[in-house]
Each structure stands twice: as structure tokens, then as C-alpha cells.
Amino acid sequence: MPVVPHRVKALYLRHQALIHAYLSMTGGSAGRLVLSLVYFIAVANTLAIADFGLFATASAAGIMISRVLAFGFMSPLYRVATVKPLLVGTYSAGFLVGAALSLPLIALICVVTFILLFSRDMTASAFSAFMLAEIICWRGLETAVIVLNGLGRFGRGALLVVIGTAIRTGAALLFALLSLKTLEAWSYFYLVANALGLVVALFWFYPRVRLRWQPRLYYRRWADSVSVAGAEVLFYIQSEFDKIAVLAIGGPAVSGLYAILMRLADLTALPVRSFNTLLVQRIMRTPGSIARWRTRLSIELLVALASFAAIAAMAAYLWIFPNGLGRNVSAAAPIVAMILLVPSFRNLIEYHSELLYATGRTVRRMLNLLIAGVVKVALLVLLLRTTTDVAAWAPSLNAIFFALYALSFVLTYTALRRPAERVI
């Protein structure tokens, strides 16, 4: 028997459970990926590029603001679902009250965001519809998924996400078939689709519980809740705020092309995120598994190569079939080949964040995310002030994300030299 196949077989047998778990996770996400791709193609090619940029930026703003909902009380709700499921009803009541108390602050943030960024290009009614869809409806659905995962009902949680994505996709396809192709019309389609997803989550998936108001149980959890909310806001500022910066400086048309490019780059993260989930579990069980530099660099190389292969395949497809993802996406098709390194660096930065989480360095993780977010926006501002021609500045995105990756690399592995915090 040849030596190489024998070694491959031995390696497979040694890591058989891990490989099967990875393939299962990736396969379970495949349905959502297909639906997300259809949804993206429908919306990106029905709206004008400028309107798609406004929608993508408003959605990014809504995702960031949604992390303030209930001041992060879904964290203790998840912990209780995991260890004391009989208290889910009690903590669900706490979450609802926390959500109601957070609404004035959320409304204030939304008003300021609209006045500063969207008032010139979008109506208040369209912006409000997008905010309600992201902050109340989709975040509510995500909370139901969080509770289901805490109870160990992972299959139902995954099914709920797929159903919610399918409803969004159906709304996008219906919108594409109708003659009303304005941003205003899409905002109402989007709100109704997300509201329907929330109804499905509450009436068919959320566990049947009796709501009980027990404020004495909540007080000691608020500090944890607020810290979790702060960490999530920082994470999404780091990952989503660049869209807002591009809109503010380059305008809707430039933000539309940028949103298309970043969405295509996001599609490369599916296999990496499944890998991150398994790696986090492995590190939590055996923290010394990434102690050697050879192992660390091998993992980074694997993430980079997988990301590069995915975006290169996408670029090759669009080079052969420029209209393969629709008319509007074809405007960005030649630019995809200019950002081949961006997905690798973006996914490696996300991997570093997961690495710090796995080793219990949550405070350092927050600090790293804050630094990375500030540096990213600053570099994008400097770039866009030189020119707003996407073809001219797109290649420079490789250098910007490399700088962010290098910064993240230094901050992450410097933190790993120090003793880890206790992970519960």
C-alpha cells in the first residue's frame, strides 16, 4: 500500500469524530447559506446599487443597536436555560422587562443615528422599519434560538434560524417580482418578513413557560448582562461600522459596491466559523493544545488558505460569468479579484477573537475589538478621502486588512503569554 494514502487513512481514523462533527456543522449550515445567497442576489439586483448600500448600512446599524436590547439580559437567560431550565419562565419575564426599559435608550440612539447618517438619503419611515425589523423582530428570534441552544435543543434552534432566513428570502423574491422596487417598499417587506419570523419563534419554538416576576433574582445578574452587551456592541462595531463610515464619506453608490464586496467576502466565512466552533471547544477542554507556535501558525495558514480558495473560486466564477449573480452584482465582479486577501485577514481576525474567548480572556478580547474597530475606520477614512473610485481604492483594502490582522496577531498572542482567566 502506498505510504501517503496510508498516512491519510491513519490521520482520518485518529480524528474521525472531529471530522464528522465538522462536516455535520458545515452541512447543517449549507441550507442557510443557499437561502442567504438567493436572498442576497434578489435584494442586490432588485434595488439600485445606491439603495442597496443604504439598506446594508441601515441593517448594520440596526444589528449594532440591537445588542443594547434588554441591556444584554439574554446572557443570564442563556445561562439559566443551560443549568436551571425550570427558571426559564422567571428569567424570560426579566428579559421582557429589561427589553421594555431599554427601548427609550434604543429610540434615542436610533434618532441620533438617523439624523447624522441617513436623513438626507432615506425617509424616517423606511429607517424606522429597518430598525424595528433588526432590533425587535430578528433580535427576538435570535433570543429564542439562544434559549433553545441553552436547553440543548440545537436542532430546533438551527431549524428556527433556517425558517427565519427562508421567510426573508421569500419576501425578497416576492419583492423582486413586483413593480415596487423602491427602498421604501422594501423596508416594509423586510419588516413584515422579520415580524413573521418572530411570530413563528414565539408561538411554535419558544418553550412553554409561565412568566414569573422575581426581581431579587435579577439584580446580581445585571453587571454580567451589561458587560456582555458592551462586548457584543464592540464586536459588531468592529465588524459592521466600516459600512457606516463608507456611507458617510463615499455616499450611497460607493457604500452599495462596498456592501456587495463585503457580502461576497462574508460567504467565505462559513467553513471557518464551523472550524472556530470546534476549535473553541477543544481549547476549553485542553488549553495547552495551542501552546506550540508550530500549531498556532499551522492553524492560521489553514484558515488563510481556505478563505483564499473560497474567494478565488468566487472571483473566477464572476470572471467567466460576470452576470452570474445578477446585473448589479456584475458591477462589482471585476473588483472581487482585487480583494483576494481580504477574506483571509478578516477571518483570521475573527479567529483571534474566538481564541481569546476560548481561553477566558474576555476583557482583553473587548479591548482588542475596540482597538481594531477604531483603526479600521481611521484607515478607511484616510483611503476614501483620496478617491471615491471603487476600482482605484479596492486593492488597498488588502493592505488595510493586513494591517488590522498584524495588529490583531500581536495583541492576541501577547495576551496568550499571560495566565488565562478562569473559564466557567
Protein backbone atom coordinates (compact mmCIF):
# COMPACT_ATOMS: atom_id res chain seq x y z
CA MET A 1 0.00 0.00 0.00
CA PRO A 2 1.39 3.47 -0.86
CA VAL A 3 2.68 5.43 2.14
CA VAL A 4 0.69 8.65 1.56
CA PRO A 5 -2.83 7.08 1.41
CA HIS A 6 -1.94 5.00 4.46
CA ARG A 7 -1.00 8.13 6.41
CA VAL A 8 -4.13 9.91 5.27
CA LYS A 9 -6.26 6.97 6.43
CA ALA A 10 -4.46 6.88 9.78
CA LEU A 11 -4.98 10.63 10.22
CA TYR A 12 -8.68 10.25 9.40
CA LEU A 13 -9.14 7.42 11.90
CA ARG A 14 -7.36 9.41 14.60
CA HIS A 15 -9.63 12.44 14.12
CA GLN A 16 -12.74 10.68 12.86
CA ALA A 17 -15.15 12.16 15.42
CA LEU A 18 -13.82 15.69 14.87
CA ILE A 19 -14.06 15.39 11.08
CA HIS A 20 -17.62 14.06 11.23
CA ALA A 21 -18.63 16.86 13.62
CA TYR A 22 -17.14 19.46 11.27
CA LEU A 23 -18.89 18.01 8.21
CA SER A 24 -22.16 17.85 10.14
CA MET A 25 -21.92 21.50 11.20
CA THR A 26 -20.98 22.66 7.71
CA GLY A 27 -23.74 20.58 6.15
CA GLY A 28 -26.28 21.96 8.62
CA SER A 29 -25.29 25.49 7.65
CA ALA A 30 -25.39 24.75 3.91
CA GLY A 31 -29.15 25.25 3.70
CA ARG A 32 -28.91 28.63 5.35
CA LEU A 33 -26.00 29.55 3.06
CA VAL A 34 -28.02 28.74 -0.07
CA LEU A 35 -31.01 30.71 1.21
CA SER A 36 -28.77 33.64 2.17
CA LEU A 37 -27.19 33.63 -1.29
CA VAL A 38 -30.60 33.63 -3.02
CA TYR A 39 -31.74 36.40 -0.66
CA PHE A 40 -28.62 38.47 -1.41
CA ILE A 41 -28.98 38.04 -5.19
CA ALA A 42 -32.67 39.01 -5.10
CA VAL A 43 -32.22 42.16 -2.99
CA ALA A 44 -28.93 43.32 -4.51
CA ASN A 45 -30.28 43.09 -8.06
CA THR A 46 -33.76 44.49 -7.39
CA LEU A 47 -32.72 47.64 -5.55
CA ALA A 48 -30.48 50.21 -7.19
CA ILE A 49 -26.87 49.90 -6.04
CA ALA A 50 -27.16 53.13 -4.01
CA ASP A 51 -30.36 51.88 -2.34
CA PHE A 52 -28.75 48.53 -1.59
CA GLY A 53 -25.88 50.41 0.06
CA LEU A 54 -28.35 52.35 2.21
CA PHE A 55 -30.19 49.14 3.15
CA ALA A 56 -26.96 47.27 4.02
CA THR A 57 -25.73 50.20 6.11
CA ALA A 58 -29.07 50.64 7.92
CA SER A 59 -29.13 46.90 8.61
CA ALA A 60 -25.59 47.08 10.01
CA ALA A 61 -26.63 49.97 12.26
CA GLY A 62 -29.66 48.00 13.44
CA ILE A 63 -27.53 44.96 14.24
CA MET A 64 -25.20 47.08 16.38
CA ILE A 65 -28.03 48.87 18.20
CA SER A 66 -29.91 45.59 18.77
CA ARG A 67 -27.20 44.49 21.19
CA VAL A 68 -28.47 47.12 23.64
CA LEU A 69 -31.89 45.39 23.82
CA ALA A 70 -32.64 44.33 27.42
CA PHE A 71 -29.13 45.54 28.31
CA GLY A 72 -27.75 42.11 27.44
CA PHE A 73 -30.11 40.15 29.73
CA MET A 74 -30.23 37.31 27.19
CA SER A 75 -26.86 36.24 28.68
CA PRO A 76 -28.29 35.25 32.11
CA LEU A 77 -31.32 33.88 30.28
CA TYR A 78 -28.99 31.57 28.33
CA ARG A 79 -27.07 30.58 31.49
CA VAL A 80 -30.30 29.70 33.30
CA ALA A 81 -31.58 27.72 30.32
CA THR A 82 -28.32 25.78 30.42
CA VAL A 83 -28.07 24.97 34.14
CA LYS A 84 -31.51 25.68 35.67
CA PRO A 85 -34.14 25.21 32.94
CA LEU A 86 -37.01 25.44 35.44
CA LEU A 87 -36.20 29.16 35.83
CA VAL A 88 -36.53 29.98 32.12
CA GLY A 89 -40.01 31.45 32.70
CA THR A 90 -38.75 33.64 35.54
CA TYR A 91 -35.82 34.96 33.53
CA SER A 92 -37.97 35.37 30.42
CA ALA A 93 -40.05 37.83 32.44
CA GLY A 94 -36.85 39.62 33.45
CA PHE A 95 -35.80 39.80 29.81
CA LEU A 96 -39.14 41.30 28.74
CA VAL A 97 -38.96 43.98 31.44
CA GLY A 98 -35.32 44.68 30.56
CA ALA A 99 -36.28 44.99 26.90
CA ALA A 100 -39.03 47.49 27.75
CA LEU A 101 -36.66 49.54 29.93
CA SER A 102 -34.04 49.62 27.17
CA LEU A 103 -36.43 50.92 24.50
CA PRO A 104 -36.09 54.66 25.36
CA LEU A 105 -32.30 54.42 25.08
CA ILE A 106 -32.59 52.45 21.83
CA ALA A 107 -35.02 55.03 20.42
CA LEU A 108 -32.60 57.85 21.31
CA ILE A 109 -29.69 56.05 19.62
CA CYS A 110 -31.82 55.42 16.52
CA VAL A 111 -32.88 59.08 16.27
CA VAL A 112 -29.28 60.31 16.56
CA THR A 113 -28.11 57.72 14.01
CA PHE A 114 -30.82 58.72 11.55
CA ILE A 115 -30.13 62.45 11.84
CA LEU A 116 -26.37 62.07 11.49
CA LEU A 117 -26.21 59.46 8.72
CA PHE A 118 -29.48 58.70 6.94
CA SER A 119 -31.75 61.77 6.96
CA ARG A 120 -30.52 63.01 3.56
CA ASP A 121 -30.97 59.72 1.68
CA MET A 122 -33.73 57.77 3.44
CA THR A 123 -37.17 58.55 4.83
CA ALA A 124 -37.76 58.29 8.56
CA SER A 125 -40.46 55.66 7.97
CA ALA A 126 -38.11 53.39 5.97
CA PHE A 127 -35.35 53.76 8.57
CA SER A 128 -37.82 53.00 11.39
CA ALA A 129 -39.00 49.87 9.57
CA PHE A 130 -35.42 48.61 9.23
CA MET A 131 -34.69 49.33 12.90
CA LEU A 132 -37.84 47.56 14.11
CA ALA A 133 -37.01 44.58 11.91
CA GLU A 134 -33.44 44.22 13.19
CA ILE A 135 -33.77 45.32 16.83
CA ILE A 136 -37.12 43.87 17.86
CA CYS A 137 -38.00 41.14 15.36
CA TRP A 138 -34.73 39.49 14.33
CA ARG A 139 -33.08 40.01 17.74
CA GLY A 140 -36.19 38.50 19.34
CA LEU A 141 -35.86 35.46 17.07
CA GLU A 142 -32.16 35.20 17.97
CA THR A 143 -33.08 35.26 21.67
CA ALA A 144 -35.40 32.31 21.12
CA VAL A 145 -32.54 30.47 19.40
CA ILE A 146 -30.24 31.29 22.33
CA VAL A 147 -32.75 29.81 24.81
CA LEU A 148 -33.23 26.68 22.68
CA ASN A 149 -29.45 26.17 22.50
CA GLY A 150 -29.21 26.63 26.26
CA LEU A 151 -31.81 23.90 26.73
CA GLY A 152 -29.82 21.64 24.43
CA ARG A 153 -32.39 21.75 21.62
CA PHE A 154 -29.79 22.56 19.00
CA GLY A 155 -31.76 21.02 16.14
CA ARG A 156 -34.81 23.18 16.82
CA GLY A 157 -32.60 26.25 17.20
CA ALA A 158 -30.94 25.61 13.84
CA LEU A 159 -34.32 24.94 12.22
CA LEU A 160 -35.68 28.24 13.54
CA VAL A 161 -32.77 30.17 12.01
CA VAL A 162 -33.31 28.42 8.67
CA ILE A 163 -37.06 29.21 8.79
CA GLY A 164 -36.38 32.86 9.61
CA THR A 165 -33.87 33.09 6.74
CA ALA A 166 -36.33 31.32 4.41
CA ILE A 167 -39.06 33.85 5.25
CA ARG A 168 -36.66 36.70 4.48
CA THR A 169 -35.71 35.03 1.20
CA GLY A 170 -39.36 34.55 0.25
CA ALA A 171 -40.03 38.23 0.92
CA ALA A 172 -37.03 39.20 -1.23
CA LEU A 173 -38.21 37.01 -4.13
CA LEU A 174 -41.75 38.41 -3.91
CA PHE A 175 -40.35 41.94 -3.82
CA ALA A 176 -38.26 41.21 -6.93
CA LEU A 177 -41.35 40.03 -8.83
CA LEU A 178 -43.40 43.15 -8.10
CA SER A 179 -43.12 46.57 -9.72
CA LEU A 180 -42.49 48.42 -6.43
CA LYS A 181 -38.70 48.39 -6.39
CA THR A 182 -38.05 51.34 -4.09
CA LEU A 183 -36.15 51.32 -0.81
CA GLU A 184 -39.31 52.47 0.98
CA ALA A 185 -41.29 49.50 -0.33
CA TRP A 186 -38.51 47.05 0.56
CA SER A 187 -38.38 48.38 4.14
CA TYR A 188 -42.00 47.28 4.68
CA PHE A 189 -41.41 43.89 3.05
CA TYR A 190 -38.38 43.45 5.31
CA LEU A 191 -40.29 44.43 8.45
CA VAL A 192 -43.22 42.08 7.70
CA ALA A 193 -40.86 39.17 6.94
CA ASN A 194 -38.92 39.62 10.17
CA ALA A 195 -42.11 40.10 12.19
CA LEU A 196 -43.45 36.83 10.76
CA GLY A 197 -40.19 35.13 11.78
CA LEU A 198 -40.63 36.46 15.34
CA VAL A 199 -44.22 35.15 15.48
CA VAL A 200 -43.02 31.70 14.40
CA ALA A 201 -40.28 31.82 17.05
CA LEU A 202 -42.63 32.80 19.89
CA PHE A 203 -45.61 30.57 19.12
CA TRP A 204 -44.01 27.45 17.70
CA PHE A 205 -40.45 27.28 19.04
CA TYR A 206 -40.08 29.14 22.35
CA PRO A 207 -40.50 26.71 25.26
CA ARG A 208 -43.87 26.80 27.01
CA VAL A 209 -43.15 28.61 30.27
CA ARG A 210 -45.06 30.58 32.89
CA LEU A 211 -43.76 34.14 33.24
CA ARG A 212 -42.88 34.94 36.86
CA TRP A 213 -41.57 38.29 38.05
CA GLN A 214 -38.75 37.75 40.60
CA PRO A 215 -36.64 40.96 40.69
CA ARG A 216 -34.43 39.71 43.55
CA LEU A 217 -33.00 37.09 41.19
CA TYR A 218 -32.15 39.66 38.54
CA TYR A 219 -30.16 42.26 40.46
CA ARG A 220 -26.97 40.24 40.76
CA ARG A 221 -27.10 39.39 37.04
CA TRP A 222 -27.25 42.93 35.68
CA ALA A 223 -23.49 43.53 35.86
CA ASP A 224 -22.90 40.41 33.78
CA SER A 225 -25.65 41.45 31.37
CA VAL A 226 -24.27 44.94 30.78
CA SER A 227 -20.72 43.64 30.27
CA VAL A 228 -21.96 41.11 27.72
CA ALA A 229 -23.97 43.80 25.92
CA GLY A 230 -20.88 46.03 25.86
CA ALA A 231 -18.74 43.24 24.43
CA GLU A 232 -21.29 42.47 21.71
CA VAL A 233 -21.66 46.15 20.78
CA LEU A 234 -17.87 46.42 20.45
CA PHE A 235 -17.73 43.25 18.37
CA TYR A 236 -20.31 44.50 15.91
CA ILE A 237 -18.81 47.98 15.80
CA GLN A 238 -15.55 46.32 14.76
CA SER A 239 -17.25 44.20 12.10
CA GLU A 240 -20.05 46.48 10.82
CA PHE A 241 -19.08 50.12 11.42
CA ASP A 242 -16.96 50.26 8.28
CA LYS A 243 -20.18 50.22 6.20
CA ILE A 244 -21.39 53.32 8.04
CA ALA A 245 -18.04 55.06 7.52
CA VAL A 246 -18.10 54.30 3.79
CA LEU A 247 -21.65 55.67 3.50
CA ALA A 248 -20.75 58.84 5.40
CA ILE A 249 -17.69 59.57 3.25
CA GLY A 250 -18.34 57.97 -0.12
CA GLY A 251 -22.12 58.24 -0.38
CA PRO A 252 -24.80 55.62 -1.15
CA ALA A 253 -23.41 54.40 -4.50
CA VAL A 254 -19.93 53.72 -3.12
CA SER A 255 -21.40 52.11 0.02
CA GLY A 256 -23.51 49.87 -2.23
CA LEU A 257 -20.48 48.47 -4.06
CA TYR A 258 -18.59 48.13 -0.77
CA ALA A 259 -21.54 46.27 0.79
CA ILE A 260 -21.65 43.86 -2.18
CA LEU A 261 -17.91 43.18 -1.89
CA MET A 262 -18.08 42.58 1.87
CA ARG A 263 -21.13 40.34 1.48
CA LEU A 264 -19.27 38.18 -1.03
CA ALA A 265 -16.32 38.07 1.37
CA ASP A 266 -18.69 37.03 4.19
CA LEU A 267 -19.70 33.93 2.23
CA THR A 268 -16.14 32.60 2.63
CA ALA A 269 -16.52 32.51 6.41
CA LEU A 270 -18.89 29.50 6.59
CA PRO A 271 -16.25 26.74 6.81
CA VAL A 272 -14.04 28.91 9.01
CA ARG A 273 -16.78 29.61 11.57
CA SER A 274 -17.64 25.92 11.84
CA PHE A 275 -13.93 25.24 12.38
CA ASN A 276 -13.77 28.02 15.02
CA THR A 277 -16.66 26.47 16.97
CA LEU A 278 -14.96 23.08 17.19
CA LEU A 279 -11.59 24.64 17.98
CA VAL A 280 -13.06 26.71 20.82
CA GLN A 281 -14.50 23.55 22.41
CA ARG A 282 -11.16 21.78 22.01
CA ILE A 283 -9.21 24.63 23.62
CA MET A 284 -11.67 24.87 26.52
CA ARG A 285 -11.09 21.20 27.26
CA THR A 286 -7.32 21.24 26.66
CA PRO A 287 -5.92 24.80 26.88
CA GLY A 288 -2.41 23.56 26.08
CA SER A 289 -3.42 22.36 22.63
CA ILE A 290 -2.36 25.65 21.03
CA ALA A 291 0.68 26.31 23.19
CA ARG A 292 3.20 25.48 20.44
CA TRP A 293 3.96 28.09 17.80
CA ARG A 294 4.03 25.43 15.11
CA THR A 295 0.40 24.55 15.89
CA ARG A 296 -0.67 28.20 16.04
CA LEU A 297 0.89 29.10 12.70
CA SER A 298 -0.43 25.92 11.06
CA ILE A 299 -3.98 26.82 12.09
CA GLU A 300 -3.57 30.38 10.81
CA LEU A 301 -2.24 29.09 7.49
CA LEU A 302 -5.18 26.68 7.19
CA VAL A 303 -7.72 29.47 7.83
CA ALA A 304 -5.97 31.77 5.34
CA LEU A 305 -5.79 29.16 2.58
CA ALA A 306 -9.42 28.07 2.98
CA SER A 307 -10.59 31.71 2.83
CA PHE A 308 -8.37 32.49 -0.17
CA ALA A 309 -9.58 29.42 -2.07
CA ALA A 310 -13.23 30.38 -1.49
CA ILE A 311 -12.90 33.99 -2.69
CA ALA A 312 -10.66 32.93 -5.60
CA ALA A 313 -13.36 30.49 -6.73
CA MET A 314 -15.93 33.28 -6.46
CA ALA A 315 -13.70 35.65 -8.48
CA ALA A 316 -13.11 33.00 -11.16
CA TYR A 317 -16.85 32.32 -11.42
CA LEU A 318 -17.63 36.03 -11.83
CA TRP A 319 -14.80 36.41 -14.37
CA ILE A 320 -16.28 33.62 -16.50
CA PHE A 321 -19.91 34.59 -15.83
CA PRO A 322 -19.95 38.34 -14.99
CA ASN A 323 -23.75 38.32 -14.70
CA GLY A 324 -23.80 35.02 -12.81
CA LEU A 325 -25.05 36.70 -9.62
CA GLY A 326 -27.18 39.35 -11.30
CA ARG A 327 -26.88 42.67 -13.08
CA ASN A 328 -25.99 44.87 -10.09
CA VAL A 329 -23.52 42.37 -8.64
CA SER A 330 -21.81 42.31 -12.04
CA ALA A 331 -20.72 45.90 -11.38
CA ALA A 332 -18.59 44.56 -8.53
CA ALA A 333 -17.46 41.42 -10.38
CA PRO A 334 -14.13 42.83 -11.69
CA ILE A 335 -13.32 44.21 -8.23
CA VAL A 336 -13.63 40.86 -6.44
CA ALA A 337 -10.31 39.78 -7.96
CA MET A 338 -8.71 42.89 -6.42
CA ILE A 339 -9.56 41.90 -2.82
CA LEU A 340 -8.44 38.25 -2.79
CA LEU A 341 -6.57 38.64 0.52
CA VAL A 342 -9.32 40.48 2.41
CA PRO A 343 -11.37 37.39 3.42
CA SER A 344 -8.26 35.64 4.77
CA PHE A 345 -7.35 38.56 7.01
CA ARG A 346 -10.97 39.18 8.11
CA ASN A 347 -11.48 35.53 9.03
CA LEU A 348 -8.15 35.39 10.87
CA ILE A 349 -9.13 38.44 12.94
CA GLU A 350 -12.40 36.67 13.82
CA TYR A 351 -10.39 33.55 14.68
CA HIS A 352 -8.21 35.60 17.06
CA SER A 353 -11.35 36.89 18.79
CA GLU A 354 -12.63 33.33 19.26
CA LEU A 355 -9.21 32.27 20.53
CA LEU A 356 -9.31 34.87 23.30
CA TYR A 357 -12.87 33.84 24.19
CA ALA A 358 -11.88 30.17 24.37
CA THR A 359 -9.03 30.92 26.77
CA GLY A 360 -11.15 33.13 29.04
CA ARG A 361 -9.52 36.44 28.13
CA THR A 362 -12.83 38.27 27.67
CA VAL A 363 -11.65 41.69 28.86
CA ARG A 364 -8.66 41.61 26.54
CA ARG A 365 -10.99 40.48 23.76
CA MET A 366 -13.14 43.58 24.27
CA LEU A 367 -10.06 45.82 24.23
CA ASN A 368 -8.73 44.22 21.04
CA LEU A 369 -12.08 44.62 19.29
CA LEU A 370 -12.25 48.28 20.28
CA ILE A 371 -8.72 48.97 19.02
CA ALA A 372 -9.32 47.07 15.76
CA GLY A 373 -12.58 48.93 15.14
CA VAL A 374 -11.02 52.36 15.66
CA VAL A 375 -8.00 51.56 13.46
CA LYS A 376 -10.19 50.09 10.68
CA VAL A 377 -12.42 53.17 10.48
CA ALA A 378 -9.41 55.51 10.60
CA LEU A 379 -7.68 53.69 7.74
CA LEU A 380 -10.86 53.60 5.64
CA VAL A 381 -11.38 57.33 6.19
CA LEU A 382 -7.83 58.06 5.01
CA LEU A 383 -8.33 55.83 1.96
CA LEU A 384 -11.70 57.24 0.90
CA ARG A 385 -10.51 60.83 1.23
CA THR A 386 -8.00 60.19 -1.55
CA THR A 387 -10.63 58.96 -4.06
CA THR A 388 -14.15 57.55 -4.15
CA ASP A 389 -13.47 55.47 -7.28
CA VAL A 390 -14.00 51.92 -6.03
CA ALA A 391 -11.71 50.36 -8.65
CA ALA A 392 -8.94 52.73 -7.51
CA TRP A 393 -9.15 52.09 -3.78
CA ALA A 394 -10.33 48.45 -3.69
CA PRO A 395 -6.81 46.94 -3.99
CA SER A 396 -5.77 48.99 -0.96
CA LEU A 397 -8.31 47.05 1.13
CA ASN A 398 -5.82 44.16 1.11
CA ALA A 399 -3.23 46.36 2.81
CA ILE A 400 -5.76 47.77 5.30
CA PHE A 401 -6.96 44.34 6.40
CA PHE A 402 -3.38 43.06 6.53
CA ALA A 403 -2.54 45.91 8.92
CA LEU A 404 -5.57 45.00 11.05
CA TYR A 405 -4.55 41.34 11.00
CA ALA A 406 -0.98 42.17 12.06
CA LEU A 407 -2.31 44.33 14.90
CA SER A 408 -4.71 41.58 15.99
CA PHE A 409 -1.92 38.97 15.78
CA VAL A 410 0.35 40.96 18.11
CA LEU A 411 -2.42 41.83 20.59
CA THR A 412 -3.80 38.27 20.67
CA TYR A 413 -0.58 36.34 21.14
CA THR A 414 0.77 38.89 23.62
CA ALA A 415 -2.34 38.24 25.69
CA LEU A 416 -1.84 34.46 25.44
CA ARG A 417 1.53 34.76 27.18
CA ARG A 418 -0.21 35.78 30.39
CA PRO A 419 -2.22 33.45 32.67
CA ALA A 420 -5.77 32.92 31.47
CA GLU A 421 -8.86 33.94 33.40
CA ARG A 422 -10.98 31.14 34.78
CA VAL A 423 -13.44 29.80 32.17
CA ILE A 424 -16.73 28.51 33.57
